[in-house]
Amino acid sequence: MEPEGESKCERSRVGWKPPNTGHLKLNVDAGCLGEGLYRWGFVLWDHLSGIVMAGCCQGVGFLGAKFEET
C-alpha cells in the first residue's frame, strides 16, 4: 500500500537532483536476466529534469553489473 500522497515513483527520486545549468547527468543500470543474459540501460538528463536521450540493450554474456554499467 502506497503512503498517502506519495507514489513509488516519487519515492524513488528522493535524493536525486538534476545537474547544474549547462550540464547533463547520465544514469545507468545493468542486470542479469537469467543464465548468461544481460540488459543495460541509460538515461541522459538536462538541468530541467528533461530526458535528452535514453537507450537500452539486451544480449548474451553477462559479465557482472559493474562491468556492464561501465
N, C-alpha and C. Protein backbone atom coordinates (compact mmCIF):
# COMPACT_ATOMS: atom_id res chain seq x y z
N MET A 1 0.84 -1.18 0.00
CA MET A 1 0.00 0.00 0.00
C MET A 1 0.89 1.25 0.00
N GLU A 2 0.58 2.20 -0.88
CA GLU A 2 1.36 3.42 -1.01
C GLU A 2 1.06 4.38 0.14
N PRO A 3 2.10 5.05 0.66
CA PRO A 3 1.85 6.11 1.64
C PRO A 3 0.99 7.19 1.00
N GLU A 4 0.11 7.77 1.78
CA GLU A 4 -0.81 8.77 1.25
C GLU A 4 -0.06 9.95 0.63
N GLY A 5 -0.45 10.30 -0.62
CA GLY A 5 0.12 11.46 -1.29
C GLY A 5 1.49 11.24 -1.91
N GLU A 6 1.99 10.00 -1.92
CA GLU A 6 3.33 9.75 -2.45
C GLU A 6 3.32 8.44 -3.23
N SER A 7 3.71 8.49 -4.50
CA SER A 7 3.76 7.27 -5.31
C SER A 7 5.14 6.62 -5.19
N LYS A 8 5.23 5.37 -5.62
CA LYS A 8 6.51 4.65 -5.61
C LYS A 8 7.53 5.39 -6.47
N CYS A 9 7.10 5.93 -7.60
CA CYS A 9 8.00 6.67 -8.49
C CYS A 9 8.54 7.92 -7.79
N GLU A 10 7.69 8.63 -7.09
CA GLU A 10 8.14 9.82 -6.37
C GLU A 10 9.15 9.46 -5.28
N ARG A 11 8.92 8.36 -4.57
CA ARG A 11 9.84 7.94 -3.52
C ARG A 11 11.19 7.56 -4.10
N SER A 12 11.22 6.96 -5.29
CA SER A 12 12.49 6.52 -5.87
C SER A 12 13.35 7.70 -6.29
N ARG A 13 12.78 8.88 -6.45
CA ARG A 13 13.54 10.07 -6.85
C ARG A 13 14.05 10.86 -5.66
N VAL A 14 13.73 10.42 -4.44
CA VAL A 14 14.21 11.12 -3.26
C VAL A 14 15.74 11.06 -3.27
N GLY A 15 16.38 12.21 -3.12
CA GLY A 15 17.83 12.24 -3.14
C GLY A 15 18.42 12.48 -4.52
N TRP A 16 17.65 12.26 -5.58
CA TRP A 16 18.13 12.52 -6.94
C TRP A 16 17.99 14.00 -7.21
N LYS A 17 19.03 14.58 -7.79
CA LYS A 17 19.00 16.01 -8.13
C LYS A 17 19.42 16.18 -9.57
N PRO A 18 18.78 17.10 -10.29
CA PRO A 18 19.20 17.35 -11.66
C PRO A 18 20.59 17.99 -11.68
N PRO A 19 21.27 17.95 -12.81
CA PRO A 19 22.59 18.58 -12.90
C PRO A 19 22.47 20.10 -12.89
N ASN A 20 23.59 20.76 -12.70
CA ASN A 20 23.63 22.22 -12.77
C ASN A 20 23.31 22.68 -14.19
N THR A 21 22.86 23.91 -14.32
CA THR A 21 22.56 24.50 -15.62
C THR A 21 23.78 24.38 -16.54
N GLY A 22 23.53 23.95 -17.77
CA GLY A 22 24.62 23.79 -18.73
C GLY A 22 25.29 22.44 -18.69
N HIS A 23 24.88 21.56 -17.77
CA HIS A 23 25.45 20.22 -17.64
C HIS A 23 24.37 19.18 -17.90
N LEU A 24 24.81 17.95 -18.17
CA LEU A 24 23.92 16.81 -18.32
C LEU A 24 24.28 15.78 -17.26
N LYS A 25 23.31 14.94 -16.91
CA LYS A 25 23.54 13.88 -15.92
C LYS A 25 23.20 12.54 -16.58
N LEU A 26 24.09 11.56 -16.42
CA LEU A 26 23.92 10.24 -17.00
C LEU A 26 23.66 9.23 -15.89
N ASN A 27 22.54 8.51 -15.97
CA ASN A 27 22.25 7.41 -15.06
C ASN A 27 22.27 6.12 -15.86
N VAL A 28 22.94 5.09 -15.34
CA VAL A 28 23.00 3.78 -16.00
C VAL A 28 22.62 2.69 -15.01
N ASP A 29 22.15 1.59 -15.55
CA ASP A 29 21.85 0.41 -14.72
C ASP A 29 22.02 -0.81 -15.60
N ALA A 30 22.41 -1.91 -14.98
CA ALA A 30 22.58 -3.18 -15.70
C ALA A 30 22.20 -4.32 -14.79
N GLY A 31 21.82 -5.42 -15.39
CA GLY A 31 21.46 -6.57 -14.59
C GLY A 31 21.43 -7.85 -15.40
N CYS A 32 21.40 -8.95 -14.70
CA CYS A 32 21.37 -10.28 -15.29
C CYS A 32 19.92 -10.73 -15.45
N LEU A 33 19.61 -11.33 -16.59
CA LEU A 33 18.25 -11.78 -16.88
C LEU A 33 18.17 -13.30 -16.97
N GLY A 34 18.85 -13.99 -16.14
CA GLY A 34 18.86 -15.45 -16.21
C GLY A 34 20.26 -15.92 -16.51
N GLU A 35 20.38 -17.11 -17.06
CA GLU A 35 21.69 -17.70 -17.29
C GLU A 35 22.42 -17.03 -18.45
N GLY A 36 23.36 -16.14 -18.13
CA GLY A 36 24.21 -15.54 -19.13
C GLY A 36 23.60 -14.41 -19.93
N LEU A 37 22.37 -14.04 -19.67
CA LEU A 37 21.74 -12.94 -20.40
C LEU A 37 21.89 -11.65 -19.61
N TYR A 38 21.98 -10.54 -20.31
CA TYR A 38 22.11 -9.25 -19.62
C TYR A 38 21.20 -8.21 -20.27
N ARG A 39 20.98 -7.15 -19.53
CA ARG A 39 20.28 -5.98 -20.05
C ARG A 39 20.86 -4.76 -19.36
N TRP A 40 21.11 -3.71 -20.12
CA TRP A 40 21.53 -2.46 -19.51
C TRP A 40 20.78 -1.32 -20.17
N GLY A 41 20.73 -0.20 -19.46
CA GLY A 41 20.05 0.96 -20.00
C GLY A 41 20.64 2.24 -19.44
N PHE A 42 20.31 3.34 -20.09
CA PHE A 42 20.81 4.63 -19.63
C PHE A 42 19.77 5.71 -19.88
N VAL A 43 19.86 6.77 -19.09
CA VAL A 43 19.04 7.98 -19.28
C VAL A 43 19.96 9.18 -19.12
N LEU A 44 19.91 10.10 -20.06
CA LEU A 44 20.68 11.34 -20.01
C LEU A 44 19.69 12.48 -19.75
N TRP A 45 19.92 13.22 -18.65
CA TRP A 45 19.00 14.26 -18.18
C TRP A 45 19.61 15.64 -18.36
N ASP A 46 18.74 16.65 -18.57
CA ASP A 46 19.20 18.03 -18.58
C ASP A 46 18.91 18.68 -17.22
N HIS A 47 19.27 19.95 -17.08
CA HIS A 47 19.12 20.63 -15.79
C HIS A 47 17.67 20.90 -15.40
N LEU A 48 16.72 20.69 -16.32
CA LEU A 48 15.30 20.86 -16.01
C LEU A 48 14.62 19.52 -15.75
N SER A 49 15.41 18.46 -15.55
CA SER A 49 14.94 17.09 -15.35
C SER A 49 14.25 16.53 -16.59
N GLY A 50 14.58 17.08 -17.75
CA GLY A 50 14.07 16.57 -19.01
C GLY A 50 14.99 15.49 -19.55
N ILE A 51 14.41 14.49 -20.17
CA ILE A 51 15.20 13.41 -20.77
C ILE A 51 15.72 13.87 -22.12
N VAL A 52 17.03 13.87 -22.28
CA VAL A 52 17.69 14.26 -23.52
C VAL A 52 17.82 13.04 -24.43
N MET A 53 18.16 11.90 -23.84
CA MET A 53 18.37 10.67 -24.58
C MET A 53 18.24 9.50 -23.62
N ALA A 54 17.77 8.37 -24.13
CA ALA A 54 17.68 7.15 -23.33
C ALA A 54 17.89 5.96 -24.26
N GLY A 55 18.35 4.87 -23.72
CA GLY A 55 18.54 3.68 -24.53
C GLY A 55 18.72 2.44 -23.68
N CYS A 56 18.65 1.29 -24.33
CA CYS A 56 18.85 0.03 -23.63
C CYS A 56 19.38 -1.00 -24.62
N CYS A 57 19.92 -2.06 -24.06
CA CYS A 57 20.47 -3.15 -24.86
C CYS A 57 20.29 -4.45 -24.09
N GLN A 58 20.06 -5.53 -24.81
CA GLN A 58 19.95 -6.84 -24.19
C GLN A 58 20.78 -7.81 -25.01
N GLY A 59 21.45 -8.74 -24.33
CA GLY A 59 22.27 -9.68 -25.06
C GLY A 59 22.69 -10.87 -24.23
N VAL A 60 23.67 -11.61 -24.74
CA VAL A 60 24.19 -12.82 -24.10
C VAL A 60 25.61 -12.55 -23.65
N GLY A 61 25.98 -13.05 -22.48
CA GLY A 61 27.35 -12.92 -22.00
C GLY A 61 27.49 -11.95 -20.85
N PHE A 62 26.62 -12.04 -19.86
CA PHE A 62 26.66 -11.14 -18.69
C PHE A 62 27.98 -11.30 -17.94
N LEU A 63 28.68 -10.16 -17.73
CA LEU A 63 29.98 -10.18 -17.07
C LEU A 63 29.97 -9.49 -15.71
N GLY A 64 28.81 -9.21 -15.19
CA GLY A 64 28.68 -8.54 -13.89
C GLY A 64 28.16 -7.14 -14.05
N ALA A 65 27.37 -6.69 -13.08
CA ALA A 65 26.74 -5.37 -13.16
C ALA A 65 27.74 -4.24 -13.29
N LYS A 66 28.81 -4.27 -12.50
CA LYS A 66 29.81 -3.19 -12.59
C LYS A 66 30.43 -3.11 -13.97
N PHE A 67 30.77 -4.24 -14.56
CA PHE A 67 31.34 -4.25 -15.90
C PHE A 67 30.33 -3.76 -16.93
N GLU A 68 29.11 -4.28 -16.87
CA GLU A 68 28.08 -3.91 -17.83
C GLU A 68 27.73 -2.43 -17.74
N GLU A 69 27.68 -1.87 -16.52
CA GLU A 69 27.38 -0.46 -16.35
C GLU A 69 28.52 0.42 -16.87
N THR A 70 29.73 -0.07 -16.77
CA THR A 70 30.89 0.68 -17.27
C THR A 70 30.85 0.70 -18.77
